[in-house]
C-alpha atoms as a PDB file:
ATOM      1  CA  MET A   1       4.797  45.742  25.839  1.00  0.00           C
ATOM      2  CA  ALA A   2       6.477  42.672  24.378  1.00  0.00           C
ATOM      3  CA  ASP A   3       9.060  44.861  22.646  1.00  0.00           C
ATOM      4  CA  THR A   4       9.809  46.679  25.918  1.00  0.00           C
ATOM      5  CA  ALA A   5      10.546  43.390  27.667  1.00  0.00           C
ATOM      6  CA  LEU A   6      12.694  42.254  24.727  1.00  0.00           C
ATOM      7  CA  TYR A   7      14.683  45.493  24.670  1.00  0.00           C
ATOM      8  CA  HIS A   8      15.240  45.309  28.415  1.00  0.00           C
ATOM      9  CA  ALA A   9      16.605  41.774  28.064  1.00  0.00           C
ATOM     10  CA  LEU A  10      18.873  42.758  25.154  1.00  0.00           C
ATOM     11  CA  ASN A  11      20.375  45.583  27.228  1.00  0.00           C
ATOM     12  CA  GLY A  12      21.698  42.942  29.609  1.00  0.00           C
ATOM     13  CA  LEU A  13      23.788  41.187  26.937  1.00  0.00           C
ATOM     14  CA  GLN A  14      27.544  41.679  26.539  1.00  0.00           C
ATOM     15  CA  GLU A  15      27.421  42.013  22.769  1.00  0.00           C
ATOM     16  CA  ALA A  16      26.179  44.772  20.490  1.00  0.00           C
ATOM     17  CA  ILE A  17      22.575  44.229  19.362  1.00  0.00           C
ATOM     18  CA  PHE A  18      20.581  46.166  16.770  1.00  0.00           C
ATOM     19  CA  ILE A  19      16.993  45.592  15.655  1.00  0.00           C
ATOM     20  CA  LEU A  20      16.174  46.877  12.168  1.00  0.00           C
ATOM     21  CA  ASP A  21      12.978  47.160  10.161  1.00  0.00           C
ATOM     22  CA  GLY A  22      12.497  46.037   6.557  1.00  0.00           C
ATOM     23  CA  SER A  23      14.108  49.246   5.276  1.00  0.00           C
ATOM     24  CA  ARG A  24      17.245  48.764   7.460  1.00  0.00           C
ATOM     25  CA  ARG A  25      16.155  51.580   9.777  1.00  0.00           C
ATOM     26  CA  ILE A  26      17.291  51.210  13.389  1.00  0.00           C
ATOM     27  CA  LEU A  27      14.410  50.422  15.749  1.00  0.00           C
ATOM     28  CA  PHE A  28      16.618  49.626  18.737  1.00  0.00           C
ATOM     29  CA  GLY A  29      20.263  49.412  19.763  1.00  0.00           C
ATOM     30  CA  ASN A  30      21.341  48.116  23.172  1.00  0.00           C
ATOM     31  CA  THR A  31      23.691  49.875  25.593  1.00  0.00           C
ATOM     32  CA  ILE A  32      26.731  47.863  24.452  1.00  0.00           C
ATOM     33  CA  ALA A  33      26.069  48.889  20.834  1.00  0.00           C
ATOM     34  CA  GLU A  34      25.957  52.525  21.909  1.00  0.00           C
ATOM     35  CA  SER A  35      29.182  52.226  23.919  1.00  0.00           C
ATOM     36  CA  ILE A  36      31.014  50.697  20.917  1.00  0.00           C
ATOM     37  CA  PHE A  37      29.578  52.665  18.011  1.00  0.00           C
ATOM     38  CA  GLY A  38      28.505  55.886  19.727  1.00  0.00           C
ATOM     39  CA  LYS A  39      25.139  57.626  19.636  1.00  0.00           C
ATOM     40  CA  PHE A  40      22.852  56.657  16.768  1.00  0.00           C
ATOM     41  CA  ALA A  41      19.426  58.017  15.846  1.00  0.00           C
ATOM     42  CA  ILE A  42      16.395  55.760  16.038  1.00  0.00           C
ATOM     43  CA  SER A  43      14.836  55.414  12.529  1.00  0.00           C
ATOM     44  CA  SER A  44      18.173  56.292  10.874  1.00  0.00           C
ATOM     45  CA  ASP A  45      19.576  53.973   8.182  1.00  0.00           C
ATOM     46  CA  PHE A  46      21.840  51.303   9.717  1.00  0.00           C
ATOM     47  CA  VAL A  47      24.518  52.054   7.109  1.00  0.00           C
ATOM     48  CA  ARG A  48      25.086  55.424   8.780  1.00  0.00           C
ATOM     49  CA  THR A  49      26.238  53.590  11.920  1.00  0.00           C
ATOM     50  CA  ILE A  50      28.068  50.633  10.365  1.00  0.00           C
ATOM     51  CA  ARG A  51      29.277  51.010   6.807  1.00  0.00           C
ATOM     52  CA  HIS A  52      30.497  47.547   5.832  1.00  0.00           C
ATOM     53  CA  PRO A  53      29.526  45.784   2.539  1.00  0.00           C
ATOM     54  CA  GLN A  54      29.534  42.251   3.975  1.00  0.00           C
ATOM     55  CA  CYS A  55      27.355  43.298   6.896  1.00  0.00           C
ATOM     56  CA  MET A  56      24.887  45.000   4.533  1.00  0.00           C
ATOM     57  CA  GLU A  57      24.812  41.902   2.333  1.00  0.00           C
ATOM     58  CA  MET A  58      23.966  39.635   5.275  1.00  0.00           C
ATOM     59  CA  ILE A  59      21.132  41.955   6.345  1.00  0.00           C
ATOM     60  CA  GLU A  60      19.770  41.954   2.795  1.00  0.00           C
ATOM     61  CA  GLN A  61      19.903  38.145   2.616  1.00  0.00           C
ATOM     62  CA  VAL A  62      17.772  37.838   5.759  1.00  0.00           C
ATOM     63  CA  LEU A  63      15.358  40.545   4.642  1.00  0.00           C
ATOM     64  CA  GLN A  64      14.911  38.589   1.397  1.00  0.00           C
ATOM     65  CA  GLY A  65      13.826  35.453   3.267  1.00  0.00           C
ATOM     66  CA  GLN A  66      16.954  33.716   4.576  1.00  0.00           C
ATOM     67  CA  GLU A  67      16.587  32.745   8.249  1.00  0.00           C
ATOM     68  CA  THR A  68      20.116  33.661   9.381  1.00  0.00           C
ATOM     69  CA  ALA A  69      23.431  34.891   7.982  1.00  0.00           C
ATOM     70  CA  THR A  70      26.751  34.971   9.801  1.00  0.00           C
ATOM     71  CA  ASP A  71      30.325  36.048   9.093  1.00  0.00           C
ATOM     72  CA  ALA A  72      33.312  37.804  10.685  1.00  0.00           C
ATOM     73  CA  ILE A  73      33.916  41.416   9.681  1.00  0.00           C
ATOM     74  CA  THR A  74      36.611  43.939  10.601  1.00  0.00           C
ATOM     75  CA  ILE A  75      35.774  47.592  11.208  1.00  0.00           C
ATOM     76  CA  GLU A  76      37.976  50.636  11.901  1.00  0.00           C
ATOM     77  CA  ASN A  77      36.017  52.113  14.793  1.00  0.00           C
ATOM     78  CA  PRO A  78      38.443  53.989  15.169  1.00  0.00           C
ATOM     79  CA  ILE A  79      40.522  51.072  16.448  1.00  0.00           C
ATOM     80  CA  LYS A  80      40.606  48.063  14.151  1.00  0.00           C
ATOM     81  CA  THR A  81      38.088  45.603  15.655  1.00  0.00           C
ATOM     82  CA  THR A  82      36.872  42.208  14.442  1.00  0.00           C
ATOM     83  CA  PHE A  83      33.267  41.176  15.112  1.00  0.00           C
ATOM     84  CA  ASN A  84      31.442  37.912  14.671  1.00  0.00           C
ATOM     85  CA  VAL A  85      28.136  39.089  13.120  1.00  0.00           C
ATOM     86  CA  LEU A  86      24.916  37.087  13.252  1.00  0.00           C
ATOM     87  CA  VAL A  87      21.858  38.450  11.410  1.00  0.00           C
ATOM     88  CA  SER A  88      18.606  36.639  12.161  1.00  0.00           C
ATOM     89  CA  ARG A  89      14.926  37.041  11.343  1.00  0.00           C
ATOM     90  CA  LEU A  90      12.637  38.134  14.172  1.00  0.00           C
ATOM     91  CA  GLY A  91       9.153  36.718  14.526  1.00  0.00           C
ATOM     92  CA  GLY A  92       6.062  38.829  15.009  1.00  0.00           C
ATOM     93  CA  GLU A  93       4.746  41.711  12.965  1.00  0.00           C
ATOM     94  CA  GLY A  94       6.866  43.355  10.299  1.00  0.00           C
ATOM     95  CA  ASN A  95       9.927  42.251   8.414  1.00  0.00           C
ATOM     96  CA  ARG A  96      12.371  42.820  11.276  1.00  0.00           C
ATOM     97  CA  VAL A  97      15.899  41.516  11.717  1.00  0.00           C
ATOM     98  CA  MET A  98      18.277  41.392  14.669  1.00  0.00           C
ATOM     99  CA  VAL A  99      21.972  42.096  14.146  1.00  0.00           C
ATOM    100  CA  SER A 100      24.214  40.636  16.866  1.00  0.00           C
ATOM    101  CA  MET A 101      27.885  41.694  16.909  1.00  0.00           C
ATOM    102  CA  MET A 102      30.376  40.015  19.235  1.00  0.00           C
ATOM    103  CA  ASP A 103      33.888  41.466  19.546  1.00  0.00           C
ATOM    104  CA  ILE A 104      36.313  38.613  18.803  1.00  0.00           C
ATOM    105  CA  SER A 105      39.428  40.770  18.330  1.00  0.00           C
ATOM    106  CA  GLU A 106      41.169  39.389  21.412  1.00  0.00           C
ATOM    107  CA  ARG A 107      40.415  35.810  20.379  1.00  0.00           C
ATOM    108  CA  ARG A 108      41.778  36.479  16.873  1.00  0.00           C
ATOM    109  CA  GLN A 109      44.851  38.127  18.373  1.00  0.00           C
ATOM    110  CA  ILE A 110      45.495  35.115  20.608  1.00  0.00           C
ATOM    111  CA  GLU A 111      45.088  32.763  17.653  1.00  0.00           C
ATOM    112  CA  GLN A 112      47.535  34.855  15.629  1.00  0.00           C
ATOM    113  CA  MET A 113      50.017  34.953  18.521  1.00  0.00           C
ATOM    114  CA  ARG A 114      49.783  31.170  18.859  1.00  0.00           C
ATOM    115  CA  SER A 115      50.342  30.730  15.129  1.00  0.00           C
ATOM    116  CA  ASP A 116      53.300  33.148  15.152  1.00  0.00           C
ATOM    117  CA  PHE A 117      54.752  31.413  18.210  1.00  0.00           C
ATOM    118  CA  VAL A 118      54.651  27.975  16.567  1.00  0.00           C
ATOM    119  CA  ALA A 119      56.221  29.420  13.397  1.00  0.00           C
ATOM    120  CA  ASN A 120      58.980  31.113  15.415  1.00  0.00           C
ATOM    121  CA  VAL A 121      59.753  28.005  17.450  1.00  0.00           C
ATOM    122  CA  SER A 122      59.910  25.923  14.261  1.00  0.00           C
ATOM    123  CA  HIS A 123      62.291  28.421  12.686  1.00  0.00           C
ATOM    124  CA  GLU A 124      64.507  28.711  15.769  1.00  0.00           C
ATOM    125  CA  LEU A 125      64.817  24.921  16.099  1.00  0.00           C
ATOM    126  CA  ARG A 126      65.219  24.270  12.377  1.00  0.00           C
ATOM    127  CA  SER A 127      68.322  26.455  12.037  1.00  0.00           C
ATOM    128  CA  PRO A 128      70.579  24.597  14.535  1.00  0.00           C
ATOM    129  CA  LEU A 129      69.154  21.233  13.433  1.00  0.00           C
ATOM    130  CA  THR A 130      70.040  22.000   9.806  1.00  0.00           C
ATOM    131  CA  ALA A 131      73.539  23.071  10.878  1.00  0.00           C
ATOM    132  CA  LEU A 132      74.038  19.913  12.954  1.00  0.00           C
ATOM    133  CA  THR A 133      72.874  17.703  10.083  1.00  0.00           C
ATOM    134  CA  GLY A 134      75.325  19.415   7.741  1.00  0.00           C
ATOM    135  CA  PHE A 135      78.241  19.018  10.168  1.00  0.00           C
ATOM    136  CA  ILE A 136      77.446  15.331  10.725  1.00  0.00           C
ATOM    137  CA  GLU A 137      77.342  14.669   6.967  1.00  0.00           C
ATOM    138  CA  THR A 138      80.682  16.442   6.553  1.00  0.00           C
ATOM    139  CA  LEU A 139      82.282  14.437   9.371  1.00  0.00           C
ATOM    140  CA  GLN A 140      80.968  11.208   7.866  1.00  0.00           C
ATOM    141  CA  GLY A 141      82.269  12.169   4.421  1.00  0.00           C
ATOM    142  CA  PRO A 142      84.996  14.645   3.353  1.00  0.00           C
ATOM    143  CA  ALA A 143      86.315  15.416   6.870  1.00  0.00           C
ATOM    144  CA  LYS A 144      86.232  11.840   8.126  1.00  0.00           C
ATOM    145  CA  GLN A 145      90.020  11.516   8.334  1.00  0.00           C
ATOM    146  CA  ASP A 146      90.821  15.212   8.867  1.00  0.00           C
ATOM    147  CA  ALA A 147      91.625  15.688  12.571  1.00  0.00           C
ATOM    148  CA  SER A 148      91.718  19.511  12.479  1.00  0.00           C
ATOM    149  CA  ALA A 149      88.433  19.724  10.559  1.00  0.00           C
ATOM    150  CA  ARG A 150      86.870  17.216  12.945  1.00  0.00           C
ATOM    151  CA  ALA A 151      87.845  19.300  15.958  1.00  0.00           C
ATOM    152  CA  ARG A 152      86.504  22.475  14.329  1.00  0.00           C
ATOM    153  CA  PHE A 153      83.174  20.872  13.362  1.00  0.00           C
ATOM    154  CA  LEU A 154      82.727  19.270  16.790  1.00  0.00           C
ATOM    155  CA  GLU A 155      83.165  22.698  18.361  1.00  0.00           C
ATOM    156  CA  LEU A 156      80.516  24.143  16.032  1.00  0.00           C
ATOM    157  CA  MET A 157      78.200  21.223  16.774  1.00  0.00           C
ATOM    158  CA  GLU A 158      78.606  21.813  20.496  1.00  0.00           C
ATOM    159  CA  ARG A 159      77.655  25.472  20.019  1.00  0.00           C
ATOM    160  CA  GLU A 160      74.536  24.621  17.979  1.00  0.00           C
ATOM    161  CA  ALA A 161      73.481  21.900  20.444  1.00  0.00           C
ATOM    162  CA  GLY A 162      73.899  24.417  23.281  1.00  0.00           C
ATOM    163  CA  ARG A 163      71.721  26.883  21.387  1.00  0.00           C
ATOM    164  CA  MET A 164      68.974  24.243  21.063  1.00  0.00           C
ATOM    165  CA  ALA A 165      69.269  23.323  24.745  1.00  0.00           C
ATOM    166  CA  ARG A 166      68.914  26.981  25.790  1.00  0.00           C
ATOM    167  CA  LEU A 167      65.879  27.403  23.543  1.00  0.00           C
ATOM    168  CA  VAL A 168      64.149  24.289  24.914  1.00  0.00           C
ATOM    169  CA  SER A 169      64.955  25.376  28.484  1.00  0.00           C
ATOM    170  CA  ASP A 170      63.521  28.858  27.886  1.00  0.00           C
ATOM    171  CA  LEU A 171      60.411  27.420  26.210  1.00  0.00           C
ATOM    172  CA  LEU A 172      59.796  25.179  29.234  1.00  0.00           C
ATOM    173  CA  SER A 173      60.325  28.117  31.599  1.00  0.00           C
ATOM    174  CA  LEU A 174      57.946  30.328  29.627  1.00  0.00           C
ATOM    175  CA  SER A 175      55.303  27.591  29.579  1.00  0.00           C
ATOM    176  CA  LYS A 176      55.676  27.087  33.329  1.00  0.00           C
ATOM    177  CA  PHE A 177      55.340  30.772  34.192  1.00  0.00           C
ATOM    178  CA  GLU A 178      52.383  31.258  31.844  1.00  0.00           C
ATOM    179  CA  ALA A 179      50.619  28.321  33.517  1.00  0.00           C
ATOM    180  CA  THR A 180      51.228  29.700  37.045  1.00  0.00           C
ATOM    181  CA  LYS A 181      50.806  33.428  36.374  1.00  0.00           C
ATOM    182  CA  ARG A 182      47.713  33.663  38.605  1.00  0.00           C
ATOM    183  CA  ILE A 183      49.335  31.821  41.523  1.00  0.00           C
ATOM    184  CA  LEU A 184      50.789  34.335  43.962  1.00  0.00           C
ATOM    185  CA  PRO A 185      54.167  33.526  45.569  1.00  0.00           C
ATOM    186  CA  ARG A 186      54.093  32.963  49.336  1.00  0.00           C
ATOM    187  CA  ASP A 187      57.726  32.664  50.476  1.00  0.00           C
ATOM    188  CA  ARG A 188      59.900  35.438  51.875  1.00  0.00           C
ATOM    189  CA  CYS A 189      63.206  36.103  50.137  1.00  0.00           C
ATOM    190  CA  ASP A 190      65.981  38.688  50.317  1.00  0.00           C
ATOM    191  CA  ILE A 191      66.512  40.557  47.047  1.00  0.00           C
ATOM    192  CA  ILE A 192      70.071  41.593  47.982  1.00  0.00           C
ATOM    193  CA  LYS A 193      71.062  37.945  48.489  1.00  0.00           C
ATOM    194  CA  ILE A 194      69.412  36.992  45.194  1.00  0.00           C
ATOM    195  CA  VAL A 195      71.287  39.623  43.164  1.00  0.00           C
ATOM    196  CA  ASN A 196      74.592  38.695  44.863  1.00  0.00           C
ATOM    197  CA  ARG A 197      73.882  35.032  44.069  1.00  0.00           C
ATOM    198  CA  VAL A 198      73.346  35.936  40.407  1.00  0.00           C
ATOM    199  CA  LYS A 199      76.616  37.897  40.336  1.00  0.00           C
ATOM    200  CA  ALA A 200      78.489  34.875  41.751  1.00  0.00           C
ATOM    201  CA  THR A 201      76.877  32.562  39.178  1.00  0.00           C
ATOM    202  CA  LEU A 202      77.941  34.896  36.351  1.00  0.00           C
ATOM    203  CA  SER A 203      81.484  35.509  37.702  1.00  0.00           C
ATOM    204  CA  GLU A 204      83.139  33.435  34.965  1.00  0.00           C
ATOM    205  CA  MET A 205      81.247  35.298  32.229  1.00  0.00           C
ATOM    206  CA  ILE A 206      82.024  38.670  33.863  1.00  0.00           C
ATOM    207  CA  ALA A 207      85.757  37.842  33.883  1.00  0.00           C
ATOM    208  CA  ARG A 208      85.686  36.492  30.312  1.00  0.00           C
ATOM    209  CA  GLU A 209      83.927  39.618  29.002  1.00  0.00           C
ATOM    210  CA  GLY A 210      86.241  41.939  30.940  1.00  0.00           C
ATOM    211  CA  LYS A 211      83.330  43.764  32.609  1.00  0.00           C
ATOM    212  CA  THR A 212      82.605  44.775  36.200  1.00  0.00           C
ATOM    213  CA  VAL A 213      79.318  44.255  38.016  1.00  0.00           C
ATOM    214  CA  ARG A 214      78.745  46.531  41.011  1.00  0.00           C
ATOM    215  CA  ILE A 215      75.864  46.009  43.445  1.00  0.00           C
ATOM    216  CA  VAL A 216      74.809  49.091  45.414  1.00  0.00           C
ATOM    217  CA  PHE A 217      72.490  48.978  48.445  1.00  0.00           C
ATOM    218  CA  GLU A 218      72.069  50.804  51.748  1.00  0.00           C
ATOM    219  CA  GLU A 219      69.980  48.352  53.777  1.00  0.00           C
ATOM    220  CA  PRO A 220      71.633  45.083  54.887  1.00  0.00           C
ATOM    221  CA  GLU A 221      68.490  43.175  53.900  1.00  0.00           C
ATOM    222  CA  LEU A 222      65.442  43.896  51.715  1.00  0.00           C
ATOM    223  CA  SER A 223      62.920  41.076  51.900  1.00  0.00           C
ATOM    224  CA  ILE A 224      59.831  40.621  49.753  1.00  0.00           C
ATOM    225  CA  THR A 225      57.200  37.954  49.200  1.00  0.00           C
ATOM    226  CA  GLY A 226      58.451  36.057  46.180  1.00  0.00           C
ATOM    227  CA  ASP A 227      59.618  32.893  44.451  1.00  0.00           C
ATOM    228  CA  GLU A 228      63.400  32.927  44.920  1.00  0.00           C
ATOM    229  CA  ASP A 229      64.261  30.638  41.987  1.00  0.00           C
ATOM    230  CA  ALA A 230      62.018  32.629  39.628  1.00  0.00           C
ATOM    231  CA  LEU A 231      63.552  35.937  40.763  1.00  0.00           C
ATOM    232  CA  VAL A 232      67.046  34.505  40.251  1.00  0.00           C
ATOM    233  CA  GLN A 233      65.987  33.862  36.655  1.00  0.00           C
ATOM    234  CA  VAL A 234      64.802  37.484  36.298  1.00  0.00           C
ATOM    235  CA  PHE A 235      68.048  39.061  37.464  1.00  0.00           C
ATOM    236  CA  GLN A 236      70.250  36.499  35.748  1.00  0.00           C
ATOM    237  CA  ASN A 237      68.565  37.387  32.442  1.00  0.00           C
ATOM    238  CA  LEU A 238      68.840  41.142  33.016  1.00  0.00           C
ATOM    239  CA  ILE A 239      72.427  41.174  34.295  1.00  0.00           C
ATOM    240  CA  GLU A 240      73.579  38.673  31.669  1.00  0.00           C
ATOM    241  CA  ASN A 241      72.081  40.886  28.928  1.00  0.00           C
ATOM    242  CA  ALA A 242      73.800  43.934  30.420  1.00  0.00           C
ATOM    243  CA  ILE A 243      77.133  42.080  30.379  1.00  0.00           C
ATOM    244  CA  LYS A 244      76.653  40.906  26.779  1.00  0.00           C
ATOM    245  CA  TYR A 245      75.639  44.259  25.316  1.00  0.00           C
ATOM    246  CA  SER A 246      77.642  46.763  27.377  1.00  0.00           C
ATOM    247  CA  ALA A 247      80.832  48.392  26.142  1.00  0.00           C
ATOM    248  CA  ALA A 248      84.239  46.775  26.673  1.00  0.00           C
ATOM    249  CA  ASN A 249      85.767  47.336  30.134  1.00  0.00           C
ATOM    250  CA  SER A 250      82.560  48.986  31.348  1.00  0.00           C
ATOM    251  CA  THR A 251      80.738  48.661  34.668  1.00  0.00           C
ATOM    252  CA  ILE A 252      77.207  47.333  35.115  1.00  0.00           C
ATOM    253  CA  THR A 253      75.532  48.767  38.202  1.00  0.00           C
ATOM    254  CA  ALA A 254      72.667  47.120  40.086  1.00  0.00           C
ATOM    255  CA  THR A 255      71.159  49.519  42.626  1.00  0.00           C
ATOM    256  CA  ILE A 256      68.741  48.057  45.189  1.00  0.00           C
ATOM    257  CA  SER A 257      66.563  50.331  47.314  1.00  0.00           C
ATOM    258  CA  GLU A 258      63.180  50.600  48.996  1.00  0.00           C
ATOM    259  CA  VAL A 259      60.557  52.913  47.467  1.00  0.00           C
ATOM    260  CA  SER A 260      57.225  54.023  48.907  1.00  0.00           C
ATOM    261  CA  ASN A 261      55.175  53.376  45.757  1.00  0.00           C
ATOM    262  CA  PHE A 262      55.440  53.156  41.977  1.00  0.00           C
ATOM    263  CA  ALA A 263      52.994  53.102  39.046  1.00  0.00           C
ATOM    264  CA  GLY A 264      49.888  52.161  40.967  1.00  0.00           C
ATOM    265  CA  MET A 265      51.729  50.074  43.576  1.00  0.00           C
ATOM    266  CA  ASN A 266      50.390  51.960  46.590  1.00  0.00           C
ATOM    267  CA  ALA A 267      52.493  50.007  49.033  1.00  0.00           C
ATOM    268  CA  PRO A 268      56.187  49.704  49.949  1.00  0.00           C
ATOM    269  CA  ALA A 269      58.207  48.187  47.130  1.00  0.00           C
ATOM    270  CA  VAL A 270      61.793  47.272  46.319  1.00  0.00           C
ATOM    271  CA  ALA A 271      63.413  48.818  43.245  1.00  0.00           C
ATOM    272  CA  ILE A 272      66.243  47.004  41.469  1.00  0.00           C
ATOM    273  CA  VAL A 273      67.778  49.237  38.798  1.00  0.00           C
ATOM    274  CA  ILE A 274      70.277  47.631  36.409  1.00  0.00           C
ATOM    275  CA  GLN A 275      72.237  50.116  34.341  1.00  0.00           C
ATOM    276  CA  ASP A 276      74.759  49.411  31.597  1.00  0.00           C
ATOM    277  CA  ARG A 277      77.017  51.477  29.382  1.00  0.00           C
ATOM    278  CA  GLY A 278      76.488  50.141  25.894  1.00  0.00           C
ATOM    279  CA  ASP A 279      75.115  50.942  22.456  1.00  0.00           C
ATOM    280  CA  GLY A 280      71.630  51.534  23.817  1.00  0.00           C
ATOM    281  CA  ILE A 281      68.331  50.580  22.190  1.00  0.00           C
ATOM    282  CA  PRO A 282      66.480  52.751  19.629  1.00  0.00           C
ATOM    283  CA  GLN A 283      63.202  54.050  21.082  1.00  0.00           C
ATOM    284  CA  GLU A 284      61.011  52.350  18.464  1.00  0.00           C
ATOM    285  CA  HIS A 285      62.079  48.921  19.767  1.00  0.00           C
ATOM    286  CA  ILE A 286      61.592  49.441  23.514  1.00  0.00           C
ATOM    287  CA  ALA A 287      57.822  48.772  23.647  1.00  0.00           C
ATOM    288  CA  ARG A 288      58.295  45.389  21.934  1.00  0.00           C
ATOM    289  CA  LEU A 289      61.332  44.081  23.829  1.00  0.00           C
ATOM    290  CA  THR A 290      59.282  41.746  26.050  1.00  0.00           C
ATOM    291  CA  GLU A 291      57.500  40.099  23.103  1.00  0.00           C
ATOM    292  CA  ARG A 292      58.440  36.476  22.506  1.00  0.00           C
ATOM    293  CA  PHE A 293      61.208  36.108  19.904  1.00  0.00           C
ATOM    294  CA  TYR A 294      61.442  39.871  19.332  1.00  0.00           C
ATOM    295  CA  ARG A 295      65.029  40.949  18.730  1.00  0.00           C
ATOM    296  CA  VAL A 296      66.513  44.357  17.974  1.00  0.00           C
ATOM    297  CA  ASP A 297      69.364  42.696  16.058  1.00  0.00           C
ATOM    298  CA  SER A 298      68.693  39.015  15.283  1.00  0.00           C
ATOM    299  CA  ASP A 299      72.205  38.159  14.122  1.00  0.00           C
ATOM    300  CA  ARG A 300      73.886  39.778  17.108  1.00  0.00           C
ATOM    301  CA  SER A 301      71.426  38.181  19.531  1.00  0.00           C
ATOM    302  CA  ARG A 302      72.078  34.684  18.159  1.00  0.00           C
ATOM    303  CA  GLU A 303      75.831  35.348  18.137  1.00  0.00           C
ATOM    304  CA  LYS A 304      75.583  36.212  21.849  1.00  0.00           C
ATOM    305  CA  GLY A 305      73.599  33.026  22.544  1.00  0.00           C
ATOM    306  CA  GLY A 306      70.195  34.681  22.963  1.00  0.00           C
ATOM    307  CA  THR A 307      66.959  32.787  22.369  1.00  0.00           C
ATOM    308  CA  GLY A 308      64.640  35.807  22.042  1.00  0.00           C
ATOM    309  CA  LEU A 309      62.628  34.608  25.063  1.00  0.00           C
ATOM    310  CA  GLY A 310      64.593  36.018  28.003  1.00  0.00           C
ATOM    311  CA  LEU A 311      62.708  39.286  28.447  1.00  0.00           C
ATOM    312  CA  ALA A 312      59.349  37.573  27.835  1.00  0.00           C
ATOM    313  CA  ILE A 313      60.172  35.263  30.763  1.00  0.00           C
ATOM    314  CA  VAL A 314      61.257  38.270  32.858  1.00  0.00           C
ATOM    315  CA  LYS A 315      57.950  40.009  32.160  1.00  0.00           C
ATOM    316  CA  HIS A 316      55.885  36.933  33.121  1.00  0.00           C
ATOM    317  CA  ILE A 317      57.733  36.460  36.426  1.00  0.00           C
ATOM    318  CA  ILE A 318      57.462  40.131  37.369  1.00  0.00           C
ATOM    319  CA  ASN A 319      53.734  40.096  36.530  1.00  0.00           C
ATOM    320  CA  GLN A 320      53.271  37.009  38.698  1.00  0.00           C
ATOM    321  CA  HIS A 321      54.858  38.965  41.565  1.00  0.00           C
ATOM    322  CA  ARG A 322      52.485  41.890  40.774  1.00  0.00           C
ATOM    323  CA  GLY A 323      55.506  44.043  40.001  1.00  0.00           C
ATOM    324  CA  ARG A 324      56.470  46.424  37.211  1.00  0.00           C
ATOM    325  CA  LEU A 325      59.254  46.514  34.617  1.00  0.00           C
ATOM    326  CA  LYS A 326      60.445  49.836  33.235  1.00  0.00           C
ATOM    327  CA  ILE A 327      62.902  50.045  30.319  1.00  0.00           C
ATOM    328  CA  GLU A 328      64.787  53.220  29.425  1.00  0.00           C
ATOM    329  CA  SER A 329      67.560  53.558  26.866  1.00  0.00           C
ATOM    330  CA  GLU A 330      69.545  56.095  24.931  1.00  0.00           C
ATOM    331  CA  THR A 331      71.530  55.121  21.852  1.00  0.00           C
ATOM    332  CA  GLY A 332      75.230  55.545  22.362  1.00  0.00           C
ATOM    333  CA  VAL A 333      74.806  55.898  26.134  1.00  0.00           C
ATOM    334  CA  GLY A 334      73.304  52.685  27.498  1.00  0.00           C
ATOM    335  CA  SER A 335      70.182  51.090  28.932  1.00  0.00           C
ATOM    336  CA  THR A 336      68.439  50.949  32.302  1.00  0.00           C
ATOM    337  CA  PHE A 337      66.120  48.107  33.308  1.00  0.00           C
ATOM    338  CA  SER A 338      64.182  48.893  36.493  1.00  0.00           C
ATOM    339  CA  VAL A 339      62.256  46.187  38.360  1.00  0.00           C
ATOM    340  CA  PHE A 340      59.744  47.217  41.041  1.00  0.00           C
ATOM    341  CA  LEU A 341      58.482  44.461  43.320  1.00  0.00           C
ATOM    342  CA  PRO A 342      55.956  44.952  46.173  1.00  0.00           C
ATOM    343  CA  LYS A 343      57.329  43.943  49.567  1.00  0.00           C
ATOM    344  CA  SER A 344      54.154  41.947  50.174  1.00  0.00           C
ATOM    345  CA  VAL A 345      51.953  40.427  47.442  1.00  0.00           C
END
């Protein structure tokens, strides 16, 4: 009777629980354990369900008299999963132990992402700082009286300082949008006006690059519930990238239209499709383009003034608006970035 009550309680937990006898035979496994590890036979050896040396060693330590044993283990099941395992002695009759396994894969992944992010930021800031330090030392020393060298180094210093300023600005934007990702926008804004505003802002760059940006729409106005300044940032990033990476003398087209639904958005939405004619992006890179600091070509991205955070910011803003981002590309042909935003959030 006592065991029945215990087993009922263990079935309510959100972690995998096994109870084993002194020979490591399974006496009980809760519903979470079954959902993670599949069907297992009562009285079968635990090693047939989980074959991991460290886990077996912890069980043996407790069976030999130790009160508890704990460690993190990683199992291919079939997806690589990390568990925090706690083995503890059970009171009552028999030499029984309880094995508790909590999935900490997501926590580990977040910790790794945080570590990678700090390392990437350090690297991205160190490079321009090192360059600036070198230029300053040169201007204070060998090039102190050389007017032409001074002008050249000051130009390089301005470029590196601009790179740092863009990186800091993007880091602040990313932090802001991550902090407010659960706050739904409430204002009404016109997508056509926003895209035209972005085109006007980028007019100098468009002329300098010798490209053309064409905005196509049928309706005079397409309003959605959204944060206008955030959406300006989305389309400025996407159109600016299209200008940077499209072929010389080519046209970038932004088509704005209303759609009935898309990818689970069972409500009217606005589609903004930005298409360029450039080198395109190899398929193996597309899934990772919105990762922070991920670049297809690091040298080219830095040469173009990219920080590696633009598409990560785009993704966060679109998610905040409960929208979708779709990326399609063909090498040698060009790329298409499609943004779908619900008319009402």
